[in-house]
Amino acid sequence: MFEIFFVFLNTKLIQMCLPAFF
């Protein structure tokens, strides 16, 4: 359960950080 939440948080962070580079 914790691992799934961590992955979800990671993907959300990536989606928020990616547009800043492009």
N, C-alpha and C. Protein backbone atom coordinates (compact mmCIF):
# COMPACT_ATOMS: atom_id res chain seq x y z
N MET A 1 0.85 -1.20 0.00
CA MET A 1 0.00 0.00 0.00
C MET A 1 0.89 1.25 0.00
N PHE A 2 1.90 1.26 0.85
CA PHE A 2 2.78 2.42 0.94
C PHE A 2 3.56 2.62 -0.35
N GLU A 3 3.97 1.50 -0.96
CA GLU A 3 4.76 1.59 -2.19
C GLU A 3 3.94 2.22 -3.31
N ILE A 4 2.67 1.84 -3.40
CA ILE A 4 1.80 2.39 -4.45
C ILE A 4 1.65 3.90 -4.24
N PHE A 5 1.47 4.32 -3.01
CA PHE A 5 1.33 5.74 -2.70
C PHE A 5 2.61 6.51 -3.06
N PHE A 6 3.75 5.89 -2.81
CA PHE A 6 5.04 6.52 -3.11
C PHE A 6 5.21 6.70 -4.61
N VAL A 7 4.84 5.67 -5.37
CA VAL A 7 4.94 5.74 -6.83
C VAL A 7 3.99 6.82 -7.35
N PHE A 8 2.78 6.90 -6.80
CA PHE A 8 1.81 7.91 -7.21
C PHE A 8 2.36 9.32 -6.94
N LEU A 9 2.99 9.49 -5.80
CA LEU A 9 3.58 10.79 -5.46
C LEU A 9 4.73 11.12 -6.40
N ASN A 10 5.52 10.10 -6.74
CA ASN A 10 6.65 10.29 -7.64
C ASN A 10 6.19 10.75 -9.01
N THR A 11 5.18 10.06 -9.56
CA THR A 11 4.68 10.41 -10.89
C THR A 11 4.10 11.82 -10.88
N LYS A 12 3.43 12.19 -9.80
CA LYS A 12 2.85 13.53 -9.71
C LYS A 12 3.96 14.59 -9.69
N LEU A 13 5.03 14.29 -8.98
CA LEU A 13 6.17 15.22 -8.92
C LEU A 13 6.79 15.39 -10.30
N ILE A 14 6.95 14.26 -11.01
CA ILE A 14 7.55 14.29 -12.35
C ILE A 14 6.66 15.11 -13.29
N GLN A 15 5.35 14.90 -13.23
CA GLN A 15 4.43 15.62 -14.09
C GLN A 15 4.48 17.12 -13.81
N MET A 16 4.74 17.50 -12.57
CA MET A 16 4.80 18.91 -12.20
C MET A 16 6.15 19.53 -12.58
N CYS A 17 7.22 18.73 -12.52
CA CYS A 17 8.56 19.23 -12.79
C CYS A 17 8.89 19.22 -14.28
N LEU A 18 8.34 18.28 -15.02
CA LEU A 18 8.65 18.15 -16.45
C LEU A 18 8.34 19.43 -17.23
N PRO A 19 7.14 20.01 -17.10
CA PRO A 19 6.83 21.22 -17.88
C PRO A 19 7.81 22.37 -17.63
N ALA A 20 8.44 22.38 -16.48
CA ALA A 20 9.38 23.46 -16.17
C ALA A 20 10.62 23.38 -17.06
N PHE A 21 10.98 22.16 -17.48
CA PHE A 21 12.17 21.98 -18.32
C PHE A 21 11.87 22.30 -19.78
N PHE A 22 10.62 22.02 -20.19
CA PHE A 22 10.26 22.24 -21.60
C PHE A 22 9.56 23.58 -21.76
